Amino acid sequence: MNKLLALGFVCLMFAGHAMAQQKPQYSQYTLNNYLLNPAIAGIESYADLKLGTRHQWSGLEGAPESYYATLHMPIGMGASSVYSGQRAKESTTKRSSSYRRAKPHHGIGAMAMSTRTGPLKRGSLSVSYAYHQPITRDLRLSAGVAPGMIQYSLDPGYVRIVNPNDPAVMDGRINEVKFDLNMGLWLYSQSFYVGLAGAQLVPSKREYISSGSPENNNGELQKHYFATAGYRVDVTPYISVIPSVMVKMAQPSPVSVDASLKVMYSNRLWAGASYRHQESVAAMAGINISPLLDLAYSYDASTSPLAGTNAGSHEVVLGFKLRNTGKILCPEWAW
C-alpha cells in the first residue's frame, strides 16, 4: 500500500515553470478518462479500445484537428474480483448486492494521438502501467504511470516566409522528439470517482538560438495537472444522473474548469451537457449499442471571442469492449 501511494504522489513533486505546447482537450473526457489519467488502465474487466476524433472551431482555417486510439486491459483480475450486477440487463440500473472478495490487480495500456493545428503537427505514443488496490469492500485506489514520446513537426507547405533562412523556422528545433511522462491516482467505487494526474512532467528544454534570449526560446513542454471527480446517482430503477467536474492547470495558462451532467436510461442511452468556463457549452449523447460496441457524439458552441469566427466543434468517440466475457453493457467503474 505504501508503494502504491508513493508511486502516485511522485507526480506532485514535478513542479516548475512551463512555456509552451498544450495537450489537446476533449469534451467527452468522461467517456475515456484514460486520456488524462494512466491510473485508469485496467479498471474494467475487459479490454477497452476507444477511437476518437475532435474537429475544433469548424470552419476556421488552421483550427486544431485531433485523432486518438487508446487500449487498456486488466491483468490478474479474476472472476472473484468483480461485481455481478452490471451485465447486459438494461431493464434496471439497480446493481446486484452479490459481492465476491476483490483482489489487487494490474492494468496495462497504450495510447497513440495525432493533432494538427495549421502547419504544426504533434504526434504522441505512450504505454502505461497501473496497480489497483482494494481499500474496503466498495472502495479501490489505483496509481499509474505512462512514459512515452512526443514528436513535433512543421509542414513547410503550409508556411510562407519572406526570409528562407528565418531562424524561427530553420533552426532545426521545429522537428524534434521529446520524452513524455504522465502519472496519476484514481480513487473509485461503483458510485463515485476522484482522480489526480500530471502530464508532460519531464523538463524538456530546447537549445537557445543564437539571436534570441533564454526567456523567449526556452521551449519547455507545458506541464499539465488534472483534478477530476464524478458521482453516479440511480434516481429510479431506469434512470441514473451523473454530474462530473474537471479542473486543468497548465502554467502559465489560466485554470480551465469543465462541468458536465449526464442522464442515462437503462444503462444503454444517455444524453448530457457540459460547460467549459469562458470557452464553450456542449451537448452530448451516446448509446451502448451492445456488449461489444458503443458510440458517442458531442457538439461544442463557443462562448469565447472566437464564437463569431467558427461553426462550433465536433467530437466522435467509438468504443469497443474486447474480451467482454461477462457481456457487460455499461462500464461498471468508468461510466
Protein backbone atom coordinates (compact mmCIF):
# COMPACT_ATOMS: atom_id res chain seq x y z
CA MET A 1 0.00 0.00 0.00
CA ASN A 2 2.82 2.43 0.85
CA LYS A 3 4.44 1.72 -2.52
CA LEU A 4 1.14 2.47 -4.26
CA LEU A 5 0.81 5.86 -2.59
CA ALA A 6 4.43 6.70 -3.26
CA LEU A 7 4.03 5.97 -6.97
CA GLY A 8 1.01 8.24 -7.25
CA PHE A 9 2.25 11.19 -5.24
CA VAL A 10 5.57 11.42 -7.07
CA CYS A 11 3.68 13.33 -9.76
CA LEU A 12 3.13 16.18 -7.29
CA MET A 13 6.90 16.66 -6.96
CA PHE A 14 7.38 17.75 -10.58
CA ALA A 15 6.69 21.46 -10.07
CA GLY A 16 8.13 24.32 -12.07
CA HIS A 17 7.51 26.83 -14.80
CA ALA A 18 6.41 25.79 -18.29
CA MET A 19 6.36 27.71 -21.50
CA ALA A 20 4.52 26.01 -24.39
CA GLN A 21 2.83 23.04 -26.12
CA GLN A 22 -0.58 22.37 -24.60
CA LYS A 23 -2.22 18.96 -24.83
CA PRO A 24 -5.41 18.60 -26.88
CA GLN A 25 -8.67 18.99 -24.99
CA TYR A 26 -11.76 16.79 -25.29
CA SER A 27 -15.35 17.46 -24.23
CA GLN A 28 -16.12 13.75 -23.77
CA TYR A 29 -13.20 13.05 -21.45
CA THR A 30 -15.62 11.32 -19.05
CA LEU A 31 -16.04 8.52 -21.59
CA ASN A 32 -12.29 7.96 -21.65
CA ASN A 33 -10.57 9.31 -18.55
CA TYR A 34 -7.57 7.24 -19.60
CA LEU A 35 -6.74 10.22 -21.88
CA LEU A 36 -5.95 12.24 -18.74
CA ASN A 37 -5.00 9.67 -16.12
CA PRO A 38 -2.95 6.46 -16.62
CA ALA A 39 -4.27 5.07 -13.31
CA ILE A 40 -7.45 4.14 -15.24
CA ALA A 41 -5.60 1.37 -17.14
CA GLY A 42 -7.25 -1.99 -16.50
CA ILE A 43 -10.13 -0.61 -14.43
CA GLU A 44 -12.76 -2.71 -16.23
CA SER A 45 -12.88 -6.49 -16.59
CA TYR A 46 -12.48 -6.29 -20.39
CA ALA A 47 -10.04 -4.77 -22.85
CA ASP A 48 -11.25 -1.22 -23.55
CA LEU A 49 -10.49 0.08 -27.07
CA LYS A 50 -11.56 3.61 -27.99
CA LEU A 51 -11.14 5.57 -31.20
CA GLY A 52 -11.84 9.30 -31.10
CA THR A 53 -11.61 12.43 -33.20
CA ARG A 54 -12.21 16.10 -32.48
CA HIS A 55 -12.53 18.91 -35.02
CA GLN A 56 -12.32 22.16 -33.09
CA TRP A 57 -13.69 25.50 -34.30
CA SER A 58 -15.08 24.05 -37.53
CA GLY A 59 -14.81 26.45 -40.47
CA LEU A 60 -11.83 28.33 -39.06
CA GLU A 61 -8.72 27.88 -41.21
CA GLY A 62 -5.92 26.09 -39.39
CA ALA A 63 -8.13 25.07 -36.46
CA PRO A 64 -7.00 22.05 -34.39
CA GLU A 65 -7.91 18.55 -35.57
CA SER A 66 -7.01 15.58 -33.38
CA TYR A 67 -7.31 11.81 -33.55
CA TYR A 68 -6.54 9.18 -30.95
CA ALA A 69 -6.64 5.45 -30.23
CA THR A 70 -6.42 4.06 -26.70
CA LEU A 71 -6.37 0.47 -25.47
CA HIS A 72 -6.08 -0.75 -21.90
CA MET A 73 -6.87 -4.01 -20.12
CA PRO A 74 -6.58 -5.71 -16.72
CA ILE A 75 -4.06 -8.35 -15.71
CA GLY A 76 -4.81 -10.69 -12.83
CA MET A 77 -8.43 -9.59 -12.42
CA GLY A 78 -10.14 -12.94 -11.88
CA ALA A 79 -13.85 -13.55 -11.70
CA SER A 80 -13.58 -13.21 -7.94
CA SER A 81 -12.76 -9.51 -8.19
CA VAL A 82 -15.84 -8.20 -10.00
CA TYR A 83 -19.40 -7.47 -9.06
CA SER A 84 -22.04 -9.42 -10.92
CA GLY A 85 -24.71 -6.78 -11.25
CA GLN A 86 -23.99 -4.70 -14.37
CA ARG A 87 -24.42 -7.27 -17.12
CA ALA A 88 -26.27 -6.72 -20.35
CA LYS A 89 -29.56 -6.33 -18.48
CA GLU A 90 -30.85 -2.91 -19.46
CA SER A 91 -34.22 -3.06 -17.74
CA THR A 92 -32.88 -1.66 -14.48
CA THR A 93 -29.95 0.34 -13.13
CA LYS A 94 -30.09 -1.48 -9.81
CA ARG A 95 -26.85 -3.24 -9.03
CA SER A 96 -26.68 -6.68 -7.55
CA SER A 97 -25.82 -6.99 -3.88
CA SER A 98 -23.88 -10.14 -4.70
CA TYR A 99 -20.24 -9.46 -3.95
CA ARG A 100 -17.11 -11.55 -4.16
CA ARG A 101 -13.93 -10.50 -2.42
CA ALA A 102 -11.92 -8.07 -4.53
CA LYS A 103 -8.22 -8.73 -5.07
CA PRO A 104 -5.45 -6.38 -6.22
CA HIS A 105 -4.80 -6.44 -9.93
CA HIS A 106 -2.66 -4.74 -12.57
CA GLY A 107 -3.51 -2.83 -15.73
CA ILE A 108 -1.59 -2.09 -18.89
CA GLY A 109 -2.39 0.18 -21.82
CA ALA A 110 -1.21 2.20 -24.77
CA MET A 111 -2.25 5.45 -26.43
CA ALA A 112 -1.50 6.98 -29.83
CA MET A 113 -2.55 10.53 -30.66
CA SER A 114 -2.14 12.92 -33.58
CA THR A 115 -3.03 16.62 -33.61
CA ARG A 116 -2.69 19.19 -36.37
CA THR A 117 -3.03 22.95 -35.87
CA GLY A 118 -2.32 24.86 -39.06
CA PRO A 119 1.22 23.95 -40.16
CA LEU A 120 2.13 22.36 -36.82
CA LYS A 121 1.76 18.65 -36.13
CA ARG A 122 2.03 16.83 -32.83
CA GLY A 123 2.18 13.05 -32.59
CA SER A 124 2.49 11.08 -29.37
CA LEU A 125 2.79 7.46 -28.32
CA SER A 126 2.79 6.14 -24.77
CA VAL A 127 2.41 2.95 -22.79
CA SER A 128 1.09 2.69 -19.25
CA TYR A 129 1.03 0.55 -16.14
CA ALA A 130 -1.41 0.80 -13.22
CA TYR A 131 -1.87 -1.05 -9.94
CA HIS A 132 -5.36 -1.37 -8.42
CA GLN A 133 -5.65 -1.95 -4.67
CA PRO A 134 -8.95 -2.61 -2.82
CA ILE A 135 -9.21 -0.47 0.31
CA THR A 136 -12.62 -1.52 1.62
CA ARG A 137 -15.43 -3.72 0.35
CA ASP A 138 -16.59 -0.99 -2.04
CA LEU A 139 -13.60 1.33 -2.44
CA ARG A 140 -10.47 0.97 -4.57
CA LEU A 141 -7.36 3.03 -5.24
CA SER A 142 -5.14 2.83 -8.30
CA ALA A 143 -1.89 4.51 -9.28
CA GLY A 144 -0.48 4.65 -12.78
CA VAL A 145 2.49 5.81 -14.80
CA ALA A 146 2.74 6.34 -18.56
CA PRO A 147 6.09 7.08 -20.24
CA GLY A 148 6.09 7.98 -23.91
CA MET A 149 7.40 10.14 -26.73
CA ILE A 150 6.08 13.33 -28.35
CA GLN A 151 7.08 14.44 -31.84
CA TYR A 152 6.59 17.98 -33.09
CA SER A 153 6.93 18.85 -36.76
CA LEU A 154 6.28 21.70 -39.14
CA ASP A 155 4.74 21.17 -42.58
CA PRO A 156 6.66 23.65 -44.79
CA GLY A 157 3.90 23.50 -47.39
CA TYR A 158 1.67 25.50 -45.04
CA VAL A 159 4.23 28.22 -44.26
CA ARG A 160 5.03 31.32 -46.27
CA ILE A 161 8.19 33.13 -45.18
CA VAL A 162 9.93 36.21 -46.56
CA ASN A 163 13.38 35.12 -45.38
CA PRO A 164 14.14 31.48 -46.36
CA ASN A 165 16.75 31.35 -43.59
CA ASP A 166 14.45 32.65 -40.86
CA PRO A 167 15.89 31.08 -37.63
CA ALA A 168 12.39 30.73 -36.16
CA VAL A 169 11.66 28.13 -38.86
CA MET A 170 15.05 26.85 -39.99
CA ASP A 171 16.95 26.44 -36.70
CA GLY A 172 16.14 22.72 -36.59
CA ARG A 173 14.04 22.83 -33.41
CA ILE A 174 10.64 22.65 -35.09
CA ASN A 175 11.04 18.98 -35.97
CA GLU A 176 12.05 17.21 -32.78
CA VAL A 177 11.17 14.37 -30.43
CA LYS A 178 10.74 14.79 -26.67
CA PHE A 179 10.34 12.30 -23.82
CA ASP A 180 7.00 12.44 -22.01
CA LEU A 181 5.84 11.20 -18.61
CA ASN A 182 2.29 11.10 -17.19
CA MET A 183 1.36 9.94 -13.67
CA GLY A 184 -1.88 9.69 -11.74
CA LEU A 185 -4.03 8.46 -8.85
CA TRP A 186 -7.64 7.23 -9.09
CA LEU A 187 -9.93 6.61 -6.08
CA TYR A 188 -13.14 4.92 -7.14
CA SER A 189 -16.22 2.88 -6.29
CA GLN A 190 -19.34 2.00 -8.25
CA SER A 191 -20.88 5.35 -7.18
CA PHE A 192 -18.07 7.92 -7.48
CA TYR A 193 -14.52 8.60 -8.57
CA VAL A 194 -11.82 11.18 -7.77
CA GLY A 195 -8.66 11.49 -9.81
CA LEU A 196 -5.40 13.46 -9.77
CA ALA A 197 -2.93 13.38 -12.65
CA GLY A 198 0.06 15.17 -14.13
CA ALA A 199 1.14 15.19 -17.78
CA GLN A 200 4.31 16.26 -19.60
CA LEU A 201 6.10 16.16 -16.27
CA VAL A 202 9.68 15.75 -17.51
CA PRO A 203 11.53 19.03 -18.20
CA SER A 204 12.43 19.04 -21.89
CA LYS A 205 14.27 22.25 -22.67
CA ARG A 206 15.38 23.18 -26.17
CA GLU A 207 18.66 24.74 -27.15
CA TYR A 208 18.61 28.51 -27.47
CA ILE A 209 19.01 30.06 -30.89
CA SER A 210 21.96 32.41 -31.07
CA SER A 211 19.89 35.51 -31.77
CA GLY A 212 17.36 35.00 -29.03
CA SER A 213 17.10 35.27 -25.28
CA PRO A 214 16.53 32.37 -22.86
CA GLU A 215 13.19 33.81 -21.82
CA ASN A 216 11.85 33.66 -25.38
CA ASN A 217 13.44 30.43 -26.51
CA ASN A 218 13.18 28.07 -23.55
CA GLY A 219 10.60 25.85 -25.25
CA GLU A 220 9.79 23.51 -22.36
CA LEU A 221 6.83 21.19 -22.58
CA GLN A 222 4.00 22.75 -20.64
CA LYS A 223 3.23 20.72 -17.52
CA HIS A 224 -0.45 19.87 -17.07
CA TYR A 225 -2.26 18.91 -13.85
CA PHE A 226 -5.78 17.48 -13.81
CA ALA A 227 -8.25 17.02 -10.95
CA THR A 228 -11.42 15.11 -11.84
CA ALA A 229 -14.45 13.90 -9.91
CA GLY A 230 -17.78 12.31 -10.74
CA TYR A 231 -20.77 10.86 -8.91
CA ARG A 232 -23.47 8.48 -10.09
CA VAL A 233 -26.99 8.66 -8.60
CA ASP A 234 -29.54 5.97 -9.51
CA VAL A 235 -32.67 8.12 -9.32
CA THR A 236 -35.08 5.38 -10.40
CA PRO A 237 -34.66 1.74 -11.44
CA TYR A 238 -34.30 3.06 -15.00
CA ILE A 239 -32.58 6.46 -14.74
CA SER A 240 -29.14 7.48 -13.46
CA VAL A 241 -27.80 11.04 -13.15
CA ILE A 242 -24.03 11.58 -13.37
CA PRO A 243 -22.54 15.01 -12.58
CA SER A 244 -18.79 15.46 -13.02
CA VAL A 245 -16.12 18.15 -12.97
CA MET A 246 -12.59 18.55 -14.28
CA VAL A 247 -10.06 21.25 -13.34
CA LYS A 248 -6.98 21.68 -15.54
CA MET A 249 -3.93 23.68 -14.51
CA ALA A 250 -1.21 24.37 -17.06
CA GLN A 251 1.09 27.27 -16.16
CA PRO A 252 1.26 29.95 -17.40
CA SER A 253 -2.16 29.37 -18.99
CA PRO A 254 -5.24 30.23 -16.89
CA VAL A 255 -7.01 27.48 -14.93
CA SER A 256 -9.67 25.70 -17.00
CA VAL A 257 -12.84 24.26 -15.42
CA ASP A 258 -15.24 21.80 -17.09
CA ALA A 259 -18.57 20.82 -15.52
CA SER A 260 -20.88 18.25 -17.07
CA LEU A 261 -24.13 16.44 -16.35
CA LYS A 262 -25.26 13.18 -17.96
CA VAL A 263 -28.58 11.37 -17.69
CA MET A 264 -28.54 7.65 -18.50
CA TYR A 265 -31.54 5.49 -19.30
CA SER A 266 -31.45 1.73 -18.65
CA ASN A 267 -27.64 1.65 -18.91
CA ARG A 268 -27.99 1.99 -22.69
CA LEU A 269 -28.92 5.54 -23.78
CA TRP A 270 -27.51 8.75 -22.35
CA ALA A 271 -27.56 12.48 -23.04
CA GLY A 272 -25.86 15.39 -21.35
CA ALA A 273 -24.41 18.87 -21.42
CA SER A 274 -21.15 20.44 -20.33
CA TYR A 275 -19.74 23.91 -19.75
CA ARG A 276 -16.12 24.97 -20.11
CA HIS A 277 -15.56 28.24 -18.27
CA GLN A 278 -15.31 31.25 -20.61
CA GLU A 279 -14.89 28.98 -23.63
CA SER A 280 -17.83 26.79 -24.68
CA VAL A 281 -21.01 24.90 -23.92
CA ALA A 282 -21.56 21.42 -25.32
CA ALA A 283 -24.41 18.99 -25.97
CA MET A 284 -23.56 15.27 -25.83
CA ALA A 285 -25.34 11.99 -26.49
CA GLY A 286 -24.38 8.34 -26.75
CA ILE A 287 -25.56 4.77 -26.89
CA ASN A 288 -24.20 1.47 -25.60
CA ILE A 289 -25.18 -0.47 -28.68
CA SER A 290 -24.13 -3.91 -27.46
CA PRO A 291 -21.65 -5.56 -25.07
CA LEU A 292 -19.13 -5.00 -27.87
CA LEU A 293 -19.85 -1.54 -29.26
CA ASP A 294 -20.72 1.97 -28.05
CA LEU A 295 -20.87 5.33 -29.82
CA ALA A 296 -20.99 8.97 -28.65
CA TYR A 297 -21.10 12.44 -30.22
CA SER A 298 -20.78 15.97 -28.88
CA TYR A 299 -21.15 19.46 -30.32
CA ASP A 300 -19.49 22.48 -28.71
CA ALA A 301 -20.75 26.03 -29.23
CA SER A 302 -18.06 28.59 -28.48
CA THR A 303 -18.68 31.33 -25.90
CA SER A 304 -15.23 32.91 -26.30
CA PRO A 305 -14.31 35.84 -28.60
CA LEU A 306 -13.88 33.22 -31.37
CA ALA A 307 -17.62 32.50 -31.32
CA GLY A 308 -18.31 34.54 -34.45
CA THR A 309 -15.50 33.01 -36.46
CA ASN A 310 -16.39 29.31 -36.41
CA ALA A 311 -19.28 26.85 -36.61
CA GLY A 312 -18.53 25.02 -33.38
CA SER A 313 -16.56 21.89 -32.53
CA HIS A 314 -17.44 18.27 -33.25
CA GLU A 315 -16.26 15.19 -31.39
CA VAL A 316 -16.95 11.49 -32.00
CA VAL A 317 -15.93 8.53 -29.82
CA LEU A 318 -16.28 4.89 -30.90
CA GLY A 319 -15.71 2.26 -28.23
CA PHE A 320 -15.14 -1.50 -28.31
CA LYS A 321 -15.34 -3.83 -25.28
CA LEU A 322 -13.00 -6.64 -26.27
CA ARG A 323 -12.79 -9.96 -24.42
CA ASN A 324 -16.02 -8.96 -22.67
CA THR A 325 -16.85 -12.43 -21.38
CA GLY A 326 -19.24 -11.00 -18.79
CA LYS A 327 -21.36 -9.38 -21.54
CA ILE A 328 -21.21 -6.04 -19.69
CA LEU A 329 -23.24 -3.38 -21.48
CA CYS A 330 -22.44 -0.28 -19.41
CA PRO A 331 -18.99 0.10 -17.79
CA GLU A 332 -19.02 -0.82 -14.10
CA TRP A 333 -16.38 1.63 -12.91
CA ALA A 334 -15.90 4.30 -15.58
CA TRP A 335 -19.36 5.29 -16.77
